[in-house]
């Protein structure tokens, strides 16, 4: 792999993690897929989120694709004795003393790092909510990175990334696109799925 390849590929995991991810998915009867990556940085939607199993399948899919997927959390969660494990699983501590909200913290990370895949569950909970939270969108918009349309489809036993979408700044037009993409994707518990819409869209429904 040359320097040009490294410049466009997102952060990779170890060969061992890739092997483990493929093995776990094979044992579970799942398949994984993704189109070509647009560059070394992107926000990864983790949807739909209806079960604690989603975290494990997301990590397995990422490993199987050879990707190191990260997520942000407050720095107090990374203290001894679990800090090392949290980082190994892709956790990125956010220094709350910098007084940044999650969108600002994510945008700062994209500016500081040469490569970063930041997973965000826009429904915010594995229980059913009324709408998606818009933070994932503004993380990508302010970080000047595309959005990866990650998915876990328990009905088809398939996961990975459906495509990449650069945010246009017209969030409602972009949400219409996301709704179409996720229309037939089913979580582990379909009754718990949060509709692919924002708060103001929910109030208009």
N, C-alpha and C. Protein backbone atom coordinates (compact mmCIF):
# COMPACT_ATOMS: atom_id res chain seq x y z
N UNK A 1 0.85 -1.21 0.00
CA UNK A 1 0.00 0.00 0.00
C UNK A 1 0.88 1.25 0.00
N UNK A 2 0.65 2.14 -0.95
CA UNK A 2 1.45 3.35 -1.05
C UNK A 2 0.89 4.50 -0.24
N UNK A 3 1.61 5.62 -0.28
CA UNK A 3 1.19 6.80 0.48
C UNK A 3 -0.17 7.30 0.00
N UNK A 4 -0.43 7.23 -1.32
CA UNK A 4 -1.71 7.70 -1.84
C UNK A 4 -2.86 6.87 -1.32
N UNK A 5 -2.66 5.53 -1.19
CA UNK A 5 -3.70 4.67 -0.66
C UNK A 5 -4.01 5.01 0.78
N UNK A 6 -2.96 5.26 1.57
CA UNK A 6 -3.17 5.60 2.98
C UNK A 6 -3.89 6.93 3.12
N UNK A 7 -3.71 7.83 2.18
CA UNK A 7 -4.32 9.15 2.27
C UNK A 7 -5.82 9.09 2.06
N UNK A 8 -6.32 8.07 1.36
CA UNK A 8 -7.76 8.01 1.08
C UNK A 8 -8.47 6.95 1.90
N UNK A 9 -7.73 6.03 2.52
CA UNK A 9 -8.39 4.99 3.29
C UNK A 9 -8.65 5.46 4.72
N UNK A 10 -9.80 5.10 5.27
CA UNK A 10 -10.10 5.43 6.66
C UNK A 10 -9.27 4.56 7.60
N UNK A 11 -9.29 4.86 8.90
CA UNK A 11 -8.47 4.08 9.85
C UNK A 11 -8.82 2.59 9.80
N UNK A 12 -7.79 1.77 9.76
CA UNK A 12 -7.99 0.33 9.69
C UNK A 12 -7.74 -0.35 11.03
N UNK A 13 -8.32 -1.53 11.20
CA UNK A 13 -8.08 -2.32 12.39
C UNK A 13 -6.99 -3.35 12.09
N UNK A 14 -6.62 -4.13 13.06
CA UNK A 14 -5.57 -5.12 12.88
C UNK A 14 -6.08 -6.31 12.05
N UNK A 15 -5.18 -7.04 11.40
CA UNK A 15 -5.60 -8.25 10.67
C UNK A 15 -6.32 -9.24 11.58
N UNK A 16 -5.91 -9.31 12.85
CA UNK A 16 -6.57 -10.23 13.78
C UNK A 16 -8.02 -9.81 14.01
N UNK A 17 -8.25 -8.51 14.19
CA UNK A 17 -9.62 -8.02 14.40
C UNK A 17 -10.47 -8.27 13.16
N UNK A 18 -9.89 -8.09 11.96
CA UNK A 18 -10.63 -8.38 10.73
C UNK A 18 -11.03 -9.85 10.67
N UNK A 19 -10.12 -10.73 11.03
CA UNK A 19 -10.39 -12.16 11.03
C UNK A 19 -11.48 -12.50 12.04
N UNK A 20 -11.38 -11.91 13.24
CA UNK A 20 -12.39 -12.16 14.28
C UNK A 20 -13.76 -11.67 13.82
N UNK A 21 -13.81 -10.47 13.23
CA UNK A 21 -15.08 -9.92 12.76
C UNK A 21 -15.73 -10.81 11.72
N UNK A 22 -14.94 -11.28 10.74
CA UNK A 22 -15.47 -12.15 9.70
C UNK A 22 -15.94 -13.48 10.29
N UNK A 23 -15.19 -14.01 11.25
CA UNK A 23 -15.56 -15.28 11.87
C UNK A 23 -16.87 -15.14 12.64
N UNK A 24 -17.00 -14.08 13.43
CA UNK A 24 -18.21 -13.89 14.23
C UNK A 24 -19.44 -13.75 13.33
N UNK A 25 -19.32 -12.98 12.26
CA UNK A 25 -20.44 -12.81 11.35
C UNK A 25 -20.78 -14.11 10.63
N UNK A 26 -19.76 -14.87 10.27
CA UNK A 26 -20.00 -16.15 9.59
C UNK A 26 -20.74 -17.10 10.52
N UNK A 27 -20.33 -17.15 11.78
CA UNK A 27 -20.99 -18.02 12.75
C UNK A 27 -22.44 -17.60 12.99
N UNK A 28 -22.69 -16.28 12.92
CA UNK A 28 -24.04 -15.77 13.12
C UNK A 28 -24.88 -15.84 11.85
N UNK A 29 -24.26 -16.21 10.73
CA UNK A 29 -24.98 -16.29 9.46
C UNK A 29 -25.21 -14.94 8.81
N UNK A 30 -24.37 -13.96 9.14
CA UNK A 30 -24.52 -12.61 8.60
C UNK A 30 -23.54 -12.38 7.47
N UNK A 31 -23.89 -11.41 6.61
CA UNK A 31 -22.97 -10.96 5.56
C UNK A 31 -22.76 -9.45 5.72
N UNK A 32 -21.65 -8.96 5.21
CA UNK A 32 -21.30 -7.56 5.37
C UNK A 32 -20.89 -6.98 4.02
N UNK A 33 -21.19 -5.71 3.80
CA UNK A 33 -20.86 -5.07 2.52
C UNK A 33 -20.67 -3.58 2.72
N UNK A 34 -19.94 -2.98 1.78
CA UNK A 34 -19.73 -1.53 1.78
C UNK A 34 -19.24 -1.11 0.40
N UNK A 35 -19.64 0.06 -0.08
CA UNK A 35 -19.04 0.60 -1.30
C UNK A 35 -17.64 1.14 -1.01
N UNK A 36 -16.98 1.64 -2.01
CA UNK A 36 -15.66 2.23 -1.83
C UNK A 36 -15.75 3.44 -0.90
N UNK A 37 -14.71 3.61 -0.12
CA UNK A 37 -14.69 4.71 0.85
C UNK A 37 -14.32 6.03 0.17
N UNK A 38 -15.00 7.12 0.55
CA UNK A 38 -14.75 8.41 -0.10
C UNK A 38 -13.51 9.12 0.41
N UNK A 39 -12.95 8.66 1.50
CA UNK A 39 -11.80 9.31 2.08
C UNK A 39 -11.55 8.78 3.47
N UNK A 40 -10.61 9.36 4.20
CA UNK A 40 -10.21 8.83 5.50
C UNK A 40 -11.10 9.26 6.67
N UNK A 41 -12.09 10.12 6.42
CA UNK A 41 -12.92 10.62 7.52
C UNK A 41 -14.39 10.61 7.11
N UNK A 42 -15.24 10.15 8.03
CA UNK A 42 -16.68 10.28 7.81
C UNK A 42 -17.45 9.99 9.09
N UNK A 43 -18.65 10.53 9.18
CA UNK A 43 -19.59 10.20 10.25
C UNK A 43 -20.34 8.96 9.79
N UNK A 44 -20.46 7.98 10.67
CA UNK A 44 -21.13 6.73 10.34
C UNK A 44 -22.45 6.62 11.11
N UNK A 45 -23.56 6.68 10.41
CA UNK A 45 -24.86 6.46 11.04
C UNK A 45 -24.94 5.01 11.50
N UNK A 46 -25.34 4.79 12.74
CA UNK A 46 -25.58 3.45 13.27
C UNK A 46 -27.08 3.30 13.47
N UNK A 47 -27.76 2.67 12.50
CA UNK A 47 -29.21 2.60 12.54
C UNK A 47 -29.69 1.33 11.83
N UNK A 48 -30.89 0.86 12.20
CA UNK A 48 -31.66 1.29 13.38
C UNK A 48 -31.07 0.70 14.66
N UNK A 49 -31.32 1.34 15.78
CA UNK A 49 -30.78 0.91 17.07
C UNK A 49 -31.94 0.47 17.96
N UNK A 50 -32.12 -0.84 18.12
CA UNK A 50 -33.23 -1.35 18.91
C UNK A 50 -32.82 -2.36 19.97
N UNK A 51 -31.51 -2.67 20.05
CA UNK A 51 -31.06 -3.74 20.94
C UNK A 51 -29.62 -3.51 21.38
N UNK A 52 -29.27 -4.05 22.54
CA UNK A 52 -27.88 -4.00 22.98
C UNK A 52 -26.96 -4.79 22.05
N UNK A 53 -27.52 -5.75 21.30
CA UNK A 53 -26.72 -6.53 20.36
C UNK A 53 -26.18 -5.66 19.23
N UNK A 54 -26.80 -4.53 18.99
CA UNK A 54 -26.38 -3.67 17.88
C UNK A 54 -24.92 -3.26 18.00
N UNK A 55 -24.47 -3.00 19.21
CA UNK A 55 -23.09 -2.56 19.42
C UNK A 55 -22.12 -3.64 18.95
N UNK A 56 -22.42 -4.89 19.33
CA UNK A 56 -21.52 -5.99 18.98
C UNK A 56 -21.52 -6.26 17.47
N UNK A 57 -22.70 -6.21 16.86
CA UNK A 57 -22.76 -6.43 15.42
C UNK A 57 -22.09 -5.27 14.67
N UNK A 58 -22.24 -4.03 15.18
CA UNK A 58 -21.60 -2.90 14.53
C UNK A 58 -20.08 -3.07 14.57
N UNK A 59 -19.54 -3.45 15.73
CA UNK A 59 -18.10 -3.65 15.83
C UNK A 59 -17.65 -4.79 14.93
N UNK A 60 -18.41 -5.89 14.90
CA UNK A 60 -18.04 -7.04 14.07
C UNK A 60 -18.05 -6.66 12.59
N UNK A 61 -19.07 -5.89 12.18
CA UNK A 61 -19.13 -5.46 10.78
C UNK A 61 -17.95 -4.54 10.44
N UNK A 62 -17.64 -3.62 11.35
CA UNK A 62 -16.51 -2.74 11.13
C UNK A 62 -15.21 -3.51 11.01
N UNK A 63 -14.99 -4.44 11.93
CA UNK A 63 -13.77 -5.26 11.87
C UNK A 63 -13.71 -6.06 10.59
N UNK A 64 -14.84 -6.70 10.21
CA UNK A 64 -14.86 -7.52 9.00
C UNK A 64 -14.53 -6.71 7.76
N UNK A 65 -14.89 -5.41 7.78
CA UNK A 65 -14.57 -4.52 6.66
C UNK A 65 -13.16 -3.94 6.78
N UNK A 66 -12.47 -4.29 7.86
CA UNK A 66 -11.12 -3.79 8.07
C UNK A 66 -11.07 -2.37 8.59
N UNK A 67 -12.17 -1.92 9.22
CA UNK A 67 -12.27 -0.53 9.68
C UNK A 67 -12.17 -0.43 11.20
N UNK A 68 -11.57 0.65 11.64
CA UNK A 68 -11.56 0.97 13.07
C UNK A 68 -12.62 2.04 13.30
N UNK A 69 -13.73 1.64 13.86
CA UNK A 69 -14.85 2.54 14.11
C UNK A 69 -14.71 3.15 15.50
N UNK A 70 -14.89 4.47 15.60
CA UNK A 70 -14.76 5.18 16.87
C UNK A 70 -16.09 5.78 17.29
N UNK A 71 -16.18 6.12 18.55
CA UNK A 71 -17.34 6.79 19.12
C UNK A 71 -16.86 7.66 20.26
N UNK A 72 -17.59 8.75 20.52
CA UNK A 72 -17.14 9.69 21.55
C UNK A 72 -17.96 9.55 22.82
N UNK A 73 -17.31 9.81 23.94
CA UNK A 73 -17.96 9.77 25.25
C UNK A 73 -17.19 10.70 26.19
N UNK A 74 -17.82 11.07 27.29
CA UNK A 74 -17.15 11.98 28.22
C UNK A 74 -15.91 11.32 28.81
N UNK A 75 -14.89 12.12 29.07
CA UNK A 75 -13.59 11.59 29.47
C UNK A 75 -13.61 10.85 30.80
N UNK A 76 -14.58 11.13 31.66
CA UNK A 76 -14.64 10.47 32.96
C UNK A 76 -14.88 8.97 32.83
N UNK A 77 -15.42 8.53 31.69
CA UNK A 77 -15.67 7.10 31.48
C UNK A 77 -14.41 6.34 31.12
N UNK A 78 -13.31 7.07 30.87
CA UNK A 78 -12.08 6.43 30.42
C UNK A 78 -11.04 6.32 31.54
N UNK A 79 -11.49 6.44 32.76
CA UNK A 79 -10.57 6.32 33.89
C UNK A 79 -10.30 4.85 34.21
N UNK A 80 -9.27 4.61 34.98
CA UNK A 80 -8.92 3.27 35.43
C UNK A 80 -10.11 2.66 36.19
N UNK A 81 -10.42 1.37 35.99
CA UNK A 81 -9.65 0.35 35.28
C UNK A 81 -10.14 0.06 33.86
N UNK A 82 -11.17 0.78 33.39
CA UNK A 82 -11.77 0.42 32.10
C UNK A 82 -11.33 1.31 30.94
N UNK A 83 -10.48 2.30 31.22
CA UNK A 83 -10.08 3.24 30.17
C UNK A 83 -9.43 2.57 28.98
N UNK A 84 -8.52 1.62 29.25
CA UNK A 84 -7.83 0.93 28.16
C UNK A 84 -8.79 0.14 27.29
N UNK A 85 -9.75 -0.54 27.91
CA UNK A 85 -10.73 -1.32 27.15
C UNK A 85 -11.61 -0.41 26.32
N UNK A 86 -12.01 0.72 26.89
CA UNK A 86 -12.86 1.66 26.16
C UNK A 86 -12.15 2.17 24.92
N UNK A 87 -10.88 2.49 25.05
CA UNK A 87 -10.11 2.97 23.89
C UNK A 87 -9.91 1.86 22.87
N UNK A 88 -9.68 0.64 23.34
CA UNK A 88 -9.47 -0.49 22.43
C UNK A 88 -10.73 -0.75 21.61
N UNK A 89 -11.90 -0.52 22.21
CA UNK A 89 -13.17 -0.71 21.52
C UNK A 89 -13.54 0.46 20.61
N UNK A 90 -12.68 1.49 20.56
CA UNK A 90 -12.91 2.61 19.66
C UNK A 90 -13.38 3.87 20.33
N UNK A 91 -13.46 3.86 21.66
CA UNK A 91 -13.92 5.05 22.37
C UNK A 91 -12.92 6.20 22.29
N UNK A 92 -13.44 7.41 22.13
CA UNK A 92 -12.61 8.61 22.08
C UNK A 92 -13.08 9.54 23.19
N UNK A 93 -12.24 9.80 24.20
CA UNK A 93 -12.68 10.67 25.30
C UNK A 93 -12.77 12.13 24.87
N UNK A 94 -13.82 12.80 25.34
CA UNK A 94 -14.01 14.23 25.07
C UNK A 94 -13.76 14.99 26.36
N UNK A 95 -12.85 15.94 26.30
CA UNK A 95 -12.49 16.76 27.46
C UNK A 95 -13.59 17.80 27.70
N UNK A 96 -14.41 17.57 28.72
CA UNK A 96 -15.52 18.47 28.99
C UNK A 96 -15.05 19.85 29.47
N UNK A 97 -13.78 19.94 29.91
CA UNK A 97 -13.27 21.24 30.36
C UNK A 97 -13.13 22.22 29.21
N UNK A 98 -13.17 21.71 27.96
CA UNK A 98 -13.09 22.60 26.79
C UNK A 98 -14.45 23.23 26.48
N UNK A 99 -15.48 22.81 27.22
CA UNK A 99 -16.82 23.40 27.09
C UNK A 99 -17.36 23.30 25.66
N UNK A 100 -17.13 22.14 25.04
CA UNK A 100 -17.64 21.90 23.71
C UNK A 100 -18.84 20.95 23.78
N UNK A 101 -19.87 21.21 22.98
CA UNK A 101 -20.93 20.22 22.90
C UNK A 101 -20.46 19.11 21.97
N UNK A 102 -21.29 18.06 21.80
CA UNK A 102 -20.83 16.91 21.02
C UNK A 102 -20.57 17.25 19.56
N UNK A 103 -21.37 18.13 18.99
CA UNK A 103 -21.15 18.52 17.60
C UNK A 103 -19.82 19.24 17.46
N UNK A 104 -19.56 20.20 18.34
CA UNK A 104 -18.30 20.94 18.30
C UNK A 104 -17.10 20.03 18.56
N UNK A 105 -17.28 19.09 19.52
CA UNK A 105 -16.20 18.17 19.85
C UNK A 105 -15.88 17.27 18.65
N UNK A 106 -16.92 16.79 17.97
CA UNK A 106 -16.71 15.94 16.80
C UNK A 106 -16.03 16.72 15.68
N UNK A 107 -16.50 17.94 15.42
CA UNK A 107 -15.89 18.76 14.37
C UNK A 107 -14.42 19.01 14.68
N UNK A 108 -14.10 19.24 15.96
CA UNK A 108 -12.71 19.45 16.36
C UNK A 108 -11.87 18.19 16.10
N UNK A 109 -12.44 17.03 16.41
CA UNK A 109 -11.72 15.78 16.18
C UNK A 109 -11.42 15.57 14.70
N UNK A 110 -12.40 15.87 13.85
CA UNK A 110 -12.18 15.71 12.41
C UNK A 110 -11.08 16.66 11.92
N UNK A 111 -10.99 17.84 12.56
CA UNK A 111 -9.94 18.78 12.18
C UNK A 111 -8.56 18.36 12.66
N UNK A 112 -8.53 17.62 13.77
CA UNK A 112 -7.25 17.25 14.39
C UNK A 112 -6.66 15.95 13.85
N UNK A 113 -7.52 15.08 13.35
CA UNK A 113 -7.06 13.73 12.99
C UNK A 113 -6.95 13.56 11.48
N UNK A 114 -5.97 12.76 11.08
CA UNK A 114 -5.78 12.47 9.65
C UNK A 114 -6.85 11.52 9.14
N UNK A 115 -7.38 10.69 10.03
CA UNK A 115 -8.43 9.75 9.66
C UNK A 115 -9.31 9.48 10.85
N UNK A 116 -10.62 9.37 10.62
CA UNK A 116 -11.55 9.12 11.73
C UNK A 116 -12.89 8.64 11.17
N UNK A 117 -13.38 7.52 11.71
CA UNK A 117 -14.74 7.05 11.45
C UNK A 117 -15.50 7.20 12.76
N UNK A 118 -16.45 8.11 12.80
CA UNK A 118 -17.16 8.40 14.04
C UNK A 118 -18.59 7.89 13.94
N UNK A 119 -18.89 6.83 14.70
CA UNK A 119 -20.23 6.22 14.67
C UNK A 119 -21.17 6.97 15.61
N UNK A 120 -22.37 7.24 15.13
CA UNK A 120 -23.39 7.93 15.91
C UNK A 120 -24.73 7.24 15.68
N UNK A 121 -25.44 6.95 16.77
CA UNK A 121 -26.79 6.39 16.66
C UNK A 121 -27.77 7.56 16.75
N UNK A 122 -28.36 7.98 15.64
CA UNK A 122 -29.19 9.19 15.64
C UNK A 122 -30.48 9.06 16.44
N UNK A 123 -30.94 7.81 16.68
CA UNK A 123 -32.14 7.68 17.50
C UNK A 123 -31.82 7.84 18.98
N UNK A 124 -30.54 7.71 19.36
CA UNK A 124 -30.11 8.04 20.71
C UNK A 124 -30.47 7.04 21.77
N UNK A 125 -31.29 6.05 21.47
CA UNK A 125 -31.71 5.06 22.45
C UNK A 125 -32.15 3.80 21.73
N UNK A 126 -32.02 2.64 22.40
CA UNK A 126 -32.49 1.41 21.76
C UNK A 126 -34.00 1.27 21.88
N UNK A 127 -34.65 2.10 22.73
CA UNK A 127 -36.10 2.14 22.81
C UNK A 127 -36.65 3.08 21.75
N UNK A 128 -37.92 2.93 21.44
CA UNK A 128 -38.51 3.75 20.39
C UNK A 128 -38.63 5.20 20.83
N UNK A 129 -38.16 6.10 19.98
CA UNK A 129 -38.31 7.55 20.21
C UNK A 129 -39.17 8.11 19.08
N UNK A 130 -39.50 9.37 19.20
CA UNK A 130 -40.38 9.99 18.20
C UNK A 130 -39.62 10.48 16.96
N UNK A 131 -38.29 10.69 17.12
CA UNK A 131 -37.54 11.27 16.01
C UNK A 131 -36.04 11.03 16.19
N UNK A 132 -35.31 11.17 15.09
CA UNK A 132 -33.85 11.15 15.13
C UNK A 132 -33.33 12.47 15.69
N UNK A 133 -32.21 12.41 16.36
CA UNK A 133 -31.50 13.62 16.76
C UNK A 133 -30.60 14.08 15.61
N UNK A 134 -30.49 15.37 15.44
CA UNK A 134 -29.79 15.90 14.27
C UNK A 134 -28.28 16.05 14.46
N UNK A 135 -27.77 15.68 15.63
CA UNK A 135 -26.35 15.88 15.90
C UNK A 135 -25.43 15.25 14.88
N UNK A 136 -25.75 14.04 14.43
CA UNK A 136 -24.90 13.34 13.46
C UNK A 136 -24.73 14.17 12.19
N UNK A 137 -25.81 14.85 11.81
CA UNK A 137 -25.79 15.63 10.56
C UNK A 137 -24.85 16.83 10.69
N UNK A 138 -24.96 17.54 11.80
CA UNK A 138 -24.14 18.74 11.97
C UNK A 138 -22.69 18.41 12.31
N UNK A 139 -22.46 17.21 12.87
CA UNK A 139 -21.07 16.77 13.03
C UNK A 139 -20.39 16.66 11.67
N UNK A 140 -21.11 16.06 10.72
CA UNK A 140 -20.56 15.91 9.36
C UNK A 140 -20.46 17.26 8.66
N UNK A 141 -21.49 18.07 8.79
CA UNK A 141 -21.52 19.37 8.11
C UNK A 141 -20.40 20.27 8.61
N UNK A 142 -20.27 20.39 9.94
CA UNK A 142 -19.23 21.27 10.51
C UNK A 142 -17.84 20.65 10.42
N UNK A 143 -17.77 19.32 10.34
CA UNK A 143 -16.48 18.66 10.20
C UNK A 143 -16.03 18.53 8.76
N UNK A 144 -16.93 18.94 7.81
CA UNK A 144 -16.63 18.89 6.37
C UNK A 144 -16.29 17.47 5.92
N UNK A 145 -17.13 16.52 6.36
CA UNK A 145 -16.93 15.12 5.98
C UNK A 145 -18.27 14.53 5.52
N UNK A 146 -18.24 13.46 4.74
CA UNK A 146 -19.48 12.82 4.31
C UNK A 146 -20.11 11.99 5.42
N UNK A 147 -21.32 11.55 5.17
CA UNK A 147 -22.06 10.69 6.09
C UNK A 147 -22.10 9.28 5.51
N UNK A 148 -21.63 8.31 6.28
CA UNK A 148 -21.73 6.91 5.88
C UNK A 148 -23.05 6.35 6.39
N UNK A 149 -23.82 5.74 5.51
CA UNK A 149 -25.15 5.23 5.86
C UNK A 149 -25.01 3.79 6.36
N UNK A 150 -24.55 3.67 7.61
CA UNK A 150 -24.37 2.36 8.21
C UNK A 150 -25.70 1.71 8.54
N UNK A 151 -25.72 0.38 8.53
CA UNK A 151 -26.99 -0.30 8.78
C UNK A 151 -26.76 -1.68 9.38
N UNK A 152 -27.76 -2.14 10.14
CA UNK A 152 -27.86 -3.52 10.61
C UNK A 152 -29.27 -3.98 10.28
N UNK A 153 -29.37 -4.90 9.36
CA UNK A 153 -30.67 -5.39 8.92
C UNK A 153 -30.83 -6.84 9.42
N UNK A 154 -31.54 -6.96 10.54
CA UNK A 154 -31.69 -8.28 11.15
C UNK A 154 -32.59 -9.19 10.33
N UNK A 155 -33.51 -8.62 9.55
CA UNK A 155 -34.39 -9.44 8.72
C UNK A 155 -33.59 -10.19 7.66
N UNK A 156 -32.59 -9.54 7.10
CA UNK A 156 -31.77 -10.16 6.04
C UNK A 156 -30.43 -10.66 6.57
N UNK A 157 -30.17 -10.43 7.86
CA UNK A 157 -28.88 -10.76 8.46
C UNK A 157 -27.74 -10.14 7.65
N UNK A 158 -27.83 -8.84 7.47
CA UNK A 158 -26.83 -8.12 6.69
C UNK A 158 -26.48 -6.81 7.40
N UNK A 159 -25.24 -6.40 7.27
CA UNK A 159 -24.81 -5.15 7.87
C UNK A 159 -23.70 -4.53 7.07
N UNK A 160 -23.30 -3.33 7.48
CA UNK A 160 -22.22 -2.63 6.79
C UNK A 160 -22.60 -1.21 6.48
N UNK A 161 -22.29 -0.76 5.27
CA UNK A 161 -22.54 0.62 4.86
C UNK A 161 -23.26 0.59 3.52
N UNK A 162 -24.39 1.28 3.44
CA UNK A 162 -25.20 1.29 2.22
C UNK A 162 -24.70 2.29 1.19
N UNK A 163 -23.99 3.30 1.64
CA UNK A 163 -23.49 4.33 0.74
C UNK A 163 -22.96 5.51 1.53
N UNK A 164 -22.47 6.50 0.82
CA UNK A 164 -21.94 7.71 1.45
C UNK A 164 -22.66 8.92 0.87
N UNK A 165 -22.92 9.89 1.74
CA UNK A 165 -23.72 11.03 1.32
C UNK A 165 -23.12 12.31 1.90
N UNK A 166 -22.67 13.25 1.06
CA UNK A 166 -22.16 14.52 1.58
C UNK A 166 -23.32 15.42 1.98
N UNK A 167 -23.36 15.91 3.21
CA UNK A 167 -24.46 16.78 3.61
C UNK A 167 -24.48 18.06 2.78
N UNK A 168 -25.66 18.44 2.32
CA UNK A 168 -25.78 19.61 1.44
C UNK A 168 -26.02 20.90 2.20
N UNK A 169 -26.42 20.78 3.48
CA UNK A 169 -26.83 21.96 4.25
C UNK A 169 -28.34 22.11 4.28
N UNK A 170 -29.02 21.43 3.36
CA UNK A 170 -30.49 21.39 3.38
C UNK A 170 -30.89 20.10 4.10
N UNK A 171 -31.00 20.18 5.40
CA UNK A 171 -31.16 18.98 6.21
C UNK A 171 -32.45 18.23 5.90
N UNK A 172 -33.51 18.96 5.57
CA UNK A 172 -34.78 18.28 5.30
C UNK A 172 -34.75 17.53 3.98
N UNK A 173 -34.10 18.09 2.98
CA UNK A 173 -33.94 17.37 1.72
C UNK A 173 -33.07 16.14 1.91
N UNK A 174 -32.00 16.29 2.71
CA UNK A 174 -31.12 15.16 2.96
C UNK A 174 -31.83 14.08 3.78
N UNK A 175 -32.67 14.49 4.74
CA UNK A 175 -33.42 13.51 5.53
C UNK A 175 -34.38 12.72 4.65
N UNK A 176 -34.95 13.35 3.64
CA UNK A 176 -35.83 12.64 2.72
C UNK A 176 -35.06 11.52 2.02
N UNK A 177 -33.81 11.79 1.67
CA UNK A 177 -32.96 10.76 1.06
C UNK A 177 -32.69 9.63 2.05
N UNK A 178 -32.38 9.98 3.30
CA UNK A 178 -32.10 8.96 4.31
C UNK A 178 -33.33 8.08 4.55
N UNK A 179 -34.51 8.69 4.58
CA UNK A 179 -35.73 7.90 4.77
C UNK A 179 -35.89 6.85 3.67
N UNK A 180 -35.59 7.22 2.46
CA UNK A 180 -35.71 6.28 1.35
C UNK A 180 -34.70 5.14 1.50
N UNK A 181 -33.49 5.48 1.90
CA UNK A 181 -32.43 4.47 2.05
C UNK A 181 -32.78 3.46 3.15
N UNK A 182 -33.30 3.95 4.27
CA UNK A 182 -33.55 3.09 5.43
C UNK A 182 -34.96 2.50 5.46
N UNK A 183 -35.75 2.75 4.44
CA UNK A 183 -37.16 2.36 4.44
C UNK A 183 -37.36 0.87 4.70
N UNK A 184 -36.53 0.01 4.10
CA UNK A 184 -36.72 -1.43 4.21
C UNK A 184 -35.72 -2.10 5.14
N UNK A 185 -35.00 -1.33 5.93
CA UNK A 185 -34.03 -1.88 6.87
C UNK A 185 -34.73 -2.14 8.21
N UNK A 186 -34.62 -3.36 8.72
CA UNK A 186 -35.32 -3.74 9.95
C UNK A 186 -34.33 -4.05 11.07
N UNK A 187 -34.58 -3.45 12.23
CA UNK A 187 -33.78 -3.71 13.41
C UNK A 187 -34.15 -5.03 14.05
N UNK A 188 -33.46 -5.37 15.13
CA UNK A 188 -33.74 -6.63 15.83
C UNK A 188 -35.18 -6.64 16.35
N UNK A 189 -35.63 -5.50 16.84
CA UNK A 189 -37.01 -5.38 17.32
C UNK A 189 -37.70 -4.27 16.53
N UNK A 190 -38.33 -4.61 15.41
CA UNK A 190 -38.92 -3.59 14.54
C UNK A 190 -39.90 -2.65 15.24
N UNK A 191 -40.61 -3.14 16.26
CA UNK A 191 -41.57 -2.29 16.96
C UNK A 191 -40.87 -1.18 17.74
N UNK A 192 -39.57 -1.33 17.98
CA UNK A 192 -38.80 -0.34 18.73
C UNK A 192 -38.08 0.65 17.82
N UNK A 193 -38.23 0.53 16.52
CA UNK A 193 -37.51 1.42 15.60
C UNK A 193 -38.02 2.85 15.69
N UNK A 194 -37.08 3.79 15.73
CA UNK A 194 -37.41 5.21 15.71
C UNK A 194 -37.58 5.66 14.26
N UNK A 195 -38.67 6.35 13.93
CA UNK A 195 -38.87 6.81 12.55
C UNK A 195 -37.71 7.70 12.08
N UNK A 196 -37.36 7.58 10.82
CA UNK A 196 -36.28 8.39 10.24
C UNK A 196 -36.80 9.79 9.94
N UNK A 197 -36.91 10.60 10.98
CA UNK A 197 -37.39 11.97 10.84
C UNK A 197 -36.87 12.79 12.01
N UNK A 198 -36.85 14.11 11.85
CA UNK A 198 -36.39 15.02 12.89
C UNK A 198 -37.55 15.52 13.72
N UNK A 199 -37.23 16.23 14.79
CA UNK A 199 -38.27 16.72 15.69
C UNK A 199 -39.32 17.56 14.97
N UNK A 200 -38.87 18.52 14.15
CA UNK A 200 -39.85 19.37 13.47
C UNK A 200 -40.63 18.60 12.41
N UNK A 201 -39.99 17.57 11.82
CA UNK A 201 -40.71 16.74 10.87
C UNK A 201 -41.76 15.89 11.60
N UNK A 202 -41.41 15.45 12.81
CA UNK A 202 -42.34 14.64 13.60
C UNK A 202 -43.56 15.46 13.99
N UNK A 203 -43.34 16.75 14.32
CA UNK A 203 -44.46 17.59 14.73
C UNK A 203 -45.39 17.92 13.57
N UNK A 204 -44.85 17.79 12.34
CA UNK A 204 -45.65 18.09 11.16
C UNK A 204 -46.42 16.85 10.67
N UNK A 205 -46.01 15.66 11.18
CA UNK A 205 -46.63 14.43 10.69
C UNK A 205 -48.05 14.27 11.20
